[in-house]
N, C-alpha and C. Protein backbone atom coordinates (compact mmCIF):
# COMPACT_ATOMS: atom_id res chain seq x y z
N MET A 1 56.46 -42.02 50.85
CA MET A 1 55.93 -42.75 51.92
C MET A 1 54.50 -43.06 51.67
N THR A 2 54.20 -44.41 52.13
CA THR A 2 52.85 -44.78 51.92
C THR A 2 52.10 -44.62 53.30
N VAL A 3 50.88 -43.89 53.16
CA VAL A 3 50.12 -43.42 54.25
C VAL A 3 48.78 -44.22 54.30
N ALA A 4 48.39 -44.84 55.33
CA ALA A 4 47.11 -45.57 55.45
C ALA A 4 46.28 -45.01 56.50
N TYR A 5 44.90 -44.89 56.32
CA TYR A 5 44.01 -44.49 57.22
C TYR A 5 42.59 -44.91 56.76
N ASN A 6 41.87 -45.58 57.70
CA ASN A 6 40.63 -46.16 57.38
C ASN A 6 40.62 -47.05 56.14
N GLY A 7 41.61 -47.83 55.90
CA GLY A 7 41.67 -48.70 54.79
C GLY A 7 42.08 -48.03 53.47
N GLU A 8 42.32 -46.73 53.47
CA GLU A 8 42.65 -46.07 52.37
C GLU A 8 44.18 -45.73 52.35
N MET A 9 44.82 -45.93 51.15
CA MET A 9 46.31 -45.82 51.18
C MET A 9 46.61 -44.73 50.05
N HIS A 10 47.62 -43.88 50.38
CA HIS A 10 48.21 -42.84 49.49
C HIS A 10 49.68 -42.75 49.50
N GLN A 11 50.38 -42.51 48.48
CA GLN A 11 51.77 -42.32 48.27
C GLN A 11 52.10 -40.75 48.56
N LEU A 12 52.95 -40.37 49.55
CA LEU A 12 53.22 -39.03 49.80
C LEU A 12 54.74 -38.79 49.56
N THR A 13 55.25 -37.66 49.09
CA THR A 13 56.59 -37.30 49.09
C THR A 13 56.91 -36.54 50.40
N VAL A 14 57.87 -36.93 51.07
CA VAL A 14 58.25 -36.39 52.42
C VAL A 14 59.57 -35.76 52.51
N ALA A 15 59.77 -34.77 53.42
CA ALA A 15 61.05 -34.09 53.54
C ALA A 15 61.21 -33.96 55.11
N PRO A 16 62.41 -34.14 55.49
CA PRO A 16 62.70 -34.11 56.95
C PRO A 16 62.49 -32.57 57.54
N GLY A 17 62.61 -32.54 58.80
CA GLY A 17 62.70 -31.19 59.53
C GLY A 17 61.22 -30.74 59.87
N PRO A 18 61.10 -29.67 60.57
CA PRO A 18 59.85 -29.11 61.03
C PRO A 18 58.89 -28.68 59.90
N GLU A 19 59.50 -28.15 58.73
CA GLU A 19 58.70 -27.80 57.69
C GLU A 19 58.19 -29.05 56.94
N GLY A 20 59.07 -30.11 56.84
CA GLY A 20 58.62 -31.34 56.19
C GLY A 20 57.51 -31.92 56.94
N LYS A 21 57.60 -31.91 58.31
CA LYS A 21 56.65 -32.63 59.11
C LYS A 21 55.30 -31.80 59.02
N ALA A 22 55.40 -30.41 59.07
CA ALA A 22 54.09 -29.57 58.91
C ALA A 22 53.55 -30.01 57.60
N ASP A 23 54.20 -29.90 56.51
CA ASP A 23 53.78 -30.32 55.20
C ASP A 23 53.05 -31.62 55.10
N PHE A 24 53.80 -32.64 55.73
CA PHE A 24 53.22 -33.96 55.79
C PHE A 24 51.90 -34.02 56.52
N LEU A 25 51.82 -33.34 57.66
CA LEU A 25 50.57 -33.45 58.58
C LEU A 25 49.50 -32.69 57.59
N ALA A 26 49.84 -31.51 57.06
CA ALA A 26 48.85 -30.78 56.14
C ALA A 26 48.28 -31.75 55.10
N GLN A 27 49.12 -32.42 54.56
CA GLN A 27 48.82 -33.26 53.26
C GLN A 27 47.75 -34.37 53.85
N ILE A 28 48.27 -35.03 54.96
CA ILE A 28 47.23 -36.15 55.41
C ILE A 28 45.97 -35.59 55.95
N ARG A 29 45.83 -34.45 56.51
CA ARG A 29 44.65 -33.83 56.95
C ARG A 29 43.76 -33.48 55.80
N GLN A 30 44.36 -33.02 54.61
CA GLN A 30 43.66 -32.61 53.36
C GLN A 30 43.14 -33.93 52.76
N ILE A 31 43.94 -34.89 52.60
CA ILE A 31 43.60 -36.20 51.87
C ILE A 31 42.46 -36.90 52.58
N TYR A 32 42.68 -36.97 53.90
CA TYR A 32 41.60 -37.86 54.59
C TYR A 32 40.52 -36.98 55.27
N GLY A 33 40.45 -35.65 55.15
CA GLY A 33 39.47 -34.84 55.63
C GLY A 33 39.60 -34.71 57.24
N ILE A 34 40.66 -34.70 57.68
CA ILE A 34 40.82 -34.65 59.07
C ILE A 34 41.02 -33.21 59.56
N SER A 35 40.07 -32.73 60.45
CA SER A 35 40.02 -31.51 60.90
C SER A 35 41.17 -30.92 61.72
N ALA A 36 41.52 -29.57 61.63
CA ALA A 36 42.71 -29.28 62.42
C ALA A 36 42.49 -29.32 63.92
N ASP A 37 41.41 -29.47 64.38
CA ASP A 37 41.27 -29.55 65.94
C ASP A 37 41.23 -31.03 66.27
N SER A 38 41.39 -31.94 65.43
CA SER A 38 41.60 -33.33 65.81
C SER A 38 42.93 -33.68 65.94
N HIS A 39 43.38 -34.45 67.00
CA HIS A 39 44.69 -34.98 67.22
C HIS A 39 45.00 -36.19 66.25
N VAL A 40 46.15 -36.09 65.61
CA VAL A 40 46.47 -37.17 64.68
C VAL A 40 47.65 -37.98 65.44
N GLN A 41 47.48 -39.30 65.55
CA GLN A 41 48.57 -40.19 66.11
C GLN A 41 49.15 -40.85 65.03
N LEU A 42 50.55 -40.77 64.94
CA LEU A 42 51.29 -41.35 63.92
C LEU A 42 52.08 -42.73 64.44
N SER A 43 52.10 -43.62 63.60
CA SER A 43 52.90 -44.76 63.74
C SER A 43 53.66 -45.26 62.36
N PHE A 44 54.88 -45.33 62.42
CA PHE A 44 55.68 -45.72 61.26
C PHE A 44 56.30 -46.96 61.28
N SER A 45 56.04 -47.80 60.29
CA SER A 45 56.60 -49.15 60.11
C SER A 45 57.61 -49.09 58.94
N CYS A 46 58.83 -49.16 59.36
CA CYS A 46 60.00 -49.01 58.34
C CYS A 46 60.95 -50.10 58.33
N ALA A 47 61.55 -50.24 57.14
CA ALA A 47 62.70 -51.24 56.94
C ALA A 47 63.97 -50.65 57.75
N LEU A 48 64.51 -51.42 58.54
CA LEU A 48 65.69 -51.10 59.24
C LEU A 48 66.79 -51.87 58.57
N PRO A 49 67.68 -51.30 57.75
CA PRO A 49 68.72 -52.05 56.97
C PRO A 49 69.51 -53.00 57.88
N GLY A 50 69.51 -54.22 57.54
CA GLY A 50 70.22 -55.28 58.24
C GLY A 50 69.48 -55.87 59.35
N HIS A 51 68.36 -55.44 59.64
CA HIS A 51 67.65 -55.79 60.87
C HIS A 51 66.06 -56.01 60.69
N GLY A 52 65.57 -56.00 59.46
CA GLY A 52 64.16 -56.15 59.22
C GLY A 52 63.33 -54.91 59.53
N GLU A 53 62.08 -55.08 60.21
CA GLU A 53 61.16 -54.14 60.28
C GLU A 53 61.32 -53.43 61.72
N VAL A 54 61.02 -52.28 61.84
CA VAL A 54 60.97 -51.52 63.06
C VAL A 54 59.64 -50.53 63.09
N THR A 55 59.09 -50.42 64.19
CA THR A 55 57.93 -49.52 64.32
C THR A 55 58.33 -48.41 65.20
N LEU A 56 58.01 -47.19 64.73
CA LEU A 56 58.29 -45.88 65.35
C LEU A 56 56.95 -45.30 65.69
N ASP A 57 56.61 -45.02 67.00
CA ASP A 57 55.46 -44.44 67.30
C ASP A 57 55.51 -42.95 67.67
N GLY A 58 54.59 -42.16 67.29
CA GLY A 58 54.46 -40.77 67.57
C GLY A 58 54.99 -39.78 66.54
N GLY A 59 54.65 -38.60 66.54
CA GLY A 59 55.08 -37.63 65.66
C GLY A 59 56.42 -37.21 65.81
N SER A 60 57.10 -37.39 66.98
CA SER A 60 58.48 -37.17 67.29
C SER A 60 59.47 -38.15 66.37
N SER A 61 58.88 -39.17 66.02
CA SER A 61 59.56 -40.26 65.15
C SER A 61 59.57 -39.87 63.66
N PHE A 62 59.03 -38.80 63.25
CA PHE A 62 58.88 -38.46 61.92
C PHE A 62 60.28 -38.37 61.19
N ASP A 63 61.19 -37.54 61.78
CA ASP A 63 62.54 -37.54 60.89
C ASP A 63 63.26 -38.75 60.99
N ALA A 64 63.15 -39.62 61.95
CA ALA A 64 63.92 -40.91 61.97
C ALA A 64 63.02 -41.79 60.84
N ALA A 65 61.84 -41.76 60.69
CA ALA A 65 61.10 -42.48 59.62
C ALA A 65 61.55 -42.00 58.24
N VAL A 66 61.59 -40.66 58.04
CA VAL A 66 62.05 -40.12 56.78
C VAL A 66 63.36 -40.67 56.54
N HIS A 67 64.32 -40.62 57.46
CA HIS A 67 65.69 -41.02 57.23
C HIS A 67 65.72 -42.50 56.80
N LEU A 68 64.95 -43.35 57.61
CA LEU A 68 64.94 -44.73 57.26
C LEU A 68 64.32 -45.11 55.85
N ALA A 69 63.28 -44.28 55.60
CA ALA A 69 62.60 -44.27 54.24
C ALA A 69 63.80 -44.09 53.14
N SER A 70 64.45 -43.02 53.38
CA SER A 70 65.48 -42.60 52.27
C SER A 70 66.61 -43.65 52.18
N LEU A 71 67.01 -44.32 53.36
CA LEU A 71 67.94 -45.50 53.22
C LEU A 71 67.41 -46.53 52.31
N SER A 72 66.17 -46.90 52.59
CA SER A 72 65.46 -47.99 51.86
C SER A 72 65.25 -47.67 50.27
N ALA A 73 65.00 -46.40 50.13
CA ALA A 73 64.77 -45.93 48.75
C ALA A 73 66.26 -46.07 47.98
N GLY A 74 67.30 -45.60 48.78
CA GLY A 74 68.60 -45.70 48.03
C GLY A 74 68.93 -47.10 47.76
N LYS A 75 68.68 -48.08 48.73
CA LYS A 75 68.92 -49.41 48.44
C LYS A 75 68.27 -50.01 47.35
N ARG A 76 66.98 -49.67 47.28
CA ARG A 76 66.14 -50.19 46.13
C ARG A 76 66.63 -49.66 44.75
N MET A 77 67.02 -48.47 44.79
CA MET A 77 67.50 -47.80 43.52
C MET A 77 68.78 -48.50 43.09
N ALA A 78 69.75 -48.91 43.96
CA ALA A 78 70.88 -49.59 43.70
C ALA A 78 70.62 -50.92 43.18
N GLU A 79 69.63 -51.65 43.86
CA GLU A 79 69.30 -52.90 43.43
C GLU A 79 68.74 -52.93 42.03
N LYS A 80 67.84 -51.95 41.65
CA LYS A 80 67.27 -51.95 40.22
C LYS A 80 68.28 -51.68 39.30
N ARG A 81 69.42 -51.17 39.62
CA ARG A 81 70.54 -51.01 38.79
C ARG A 81 71.14 -52.30 38.19
N GLN A 82 71.02 -53.22 39.10
CA GLN A 82 71.59 -54.55 38.82
C GLN A 82 70.46 -55.41 38.31
N VAL A 83 70.89 -56.09 37.21
CA VAL A 83 69.68 -57.00 36.61
C VAL A 83 69.78 -58.31 37.31
N PRO A 84 68.83 -58.91 37.97
CA PRO A 84 68.84 -60.05 38.67
C PRO A 84 68.74 -61.29 37.65
N GLU A 85 69.17 -62.51 38.22
CA GLU A 85 68.96 -63.62 37.41
C GLU A 85 67.49 -63.76 37.05
N GLY A 86 67.13 -64.18 35.87
CA GLY A 86 65.87 -64.18 35.45
C GLY A 86 65.27 -62.99 34.78
N GLY A 87 66.26 -62.00 34.60
CA GLY A 87 66.01 -60.79 33.92
C GLY A 87 65.22 -59.68 34.81
N PRO A 88 64.83 -58.63 34.09
CA PRO A 88 64.27 -57.46 34.78
C PRO A 88 62.85 -57.86 35.46
N GLN A 89 62.27 -58.90 34.99
CA GLN A 89 60.87 -59.33 35.58
C GLN A 89 61.15 -59.99 36.90
N ALA A 90 62.38 -60.41 37.25
CA ALA A 90 62.57 -60.95 38.57
C ALA A 90 62.59 -59.96 39.66
N ALA A 91 62.89 -58.65 39.29
CA ALA A 91 63.02 -57.73 40.38
C ALA A 91 61.54 -57.12 40.81
N GLU A 92 61.27 -57.25 41.98
CA GLU A 92 60.16 -56.80 42.61
C GLU A 92 60.16 -55.66 43.64
N ASP A 93 59.38 -54.63 43.52
CA ASP A 93 59.31 -53.67 44.72
C ASP A 93 58.60 -54.26 45.81
N ASP A 94 59.03 -53.79 47.05
CA ASP A 94 58.13 -54.21 48.18
C ASP A 94 56.91 -53.50 48.27
N THR A 95 56.09 -53.70 49.28
CA THR A 95 54.78 -53.16 49.30
C THR A 95 54.70 -51.78 50.19
N ARG A 96 55.95 -51.34 50.54
CA ARG A 96 56.01 -50.20 51.39
C ARG A 96 55.97 -48.97 50.48
N GLY A 97 56.21 -49.11 49.16
CA GLY A 97 56.13 -47.93 48.28
C GLY A 97 57.52 -47.35 48.12
N SER A 98 57.46 -46.20 47.45
CA SER A 98 58.84 -45.73 46.82
C SER A 98 59.66 -45.19 47.98
N ALA A 99 59.10 -44.88 49.05
CA ALA A 99 60.14 -44.37 50.13
C ALA A 99 60.50 -45.51 51.08
N GLY A 100 59.93 -46.64 51.13
CA GLY A 100 60.36 -47.84 51.92
C GLY A 100 59.86 -47.63 53.49
N CYS A 101 58.90 -46.86 53.55
CA CYS A 101 58.28 -46.71 54.94
C CYS A 101 56.85 -46.55 54.91
N PHE A 102 56.15 -47.38 55.67
CA PHE A 102 54.61 -47.39 55.67
C PHE A 102 54.27 -46.63 56.96
N GLN A 103 53.36 -45.71 56.82
CA GLN A 103 53.06 -44.88 57.96
C GLN A 103 51.48 -45.12 58.08
N SER A 104 51.03 -45.31 59.27
CA SER A 104 49.53 -45.31 59.55
C SER A 104 49.09 -44.19 60.34
N VAL A 105 47.84 -43.77 60.19
CA VAL A 105 47.35 -42.62 60.88
C VAL A 105 46.19 -42.98 61.67
N LYS A 106 46.15 -42.67 62.92
CA LYS A 106 45.07 -42.80 63.75
C LYS A 106 44.47 -41.59 64.10
N ARG A 107 43.18 -41.38 64.02
CA ARG A 107 42.59 -39.99 64.27
C ARG A 107 42.02 -40.08 65.67
N LEU A 108 42.43 -39.25 66.55
CA LEU A 108 41.89 -39.13 67.85
C LEU A 108 41.28 -37.75 67.97
N PHE A 109 40.05 -37.73 68.55
CA PHE A 109 39.36 -36.42 68.80
C PHE A 109 39.68 -36.01 70.17
N GLY A 110 39.88 -34.54 70.19
CA GLY A 110 40.12 -34.08 71.52
C GLY A 110 40.77 -32.60 71.58
């Protein structure tokens, strides 16, 4: 999953569930220097297969975002196995990164 905060982007490996979410939040706090007493607001922009993009707001959307990211990753892996017309150079990854989901972090103090 690609994470952006204050114009800085990082690729993170994510896992579903409460432990995966806790690990994800710990990673973004460490990477971006966000203190434990600061509230982190999450917004996920993900590819919704067959429907384009969808934005999921809030930490409660974490598992849904991880699921959509895994669907996008599986689709890209299947597409990479097929050689497009024009050869391998014609295949391009999208800008959402390896998990197919772009997540932005907003830091709120409180």
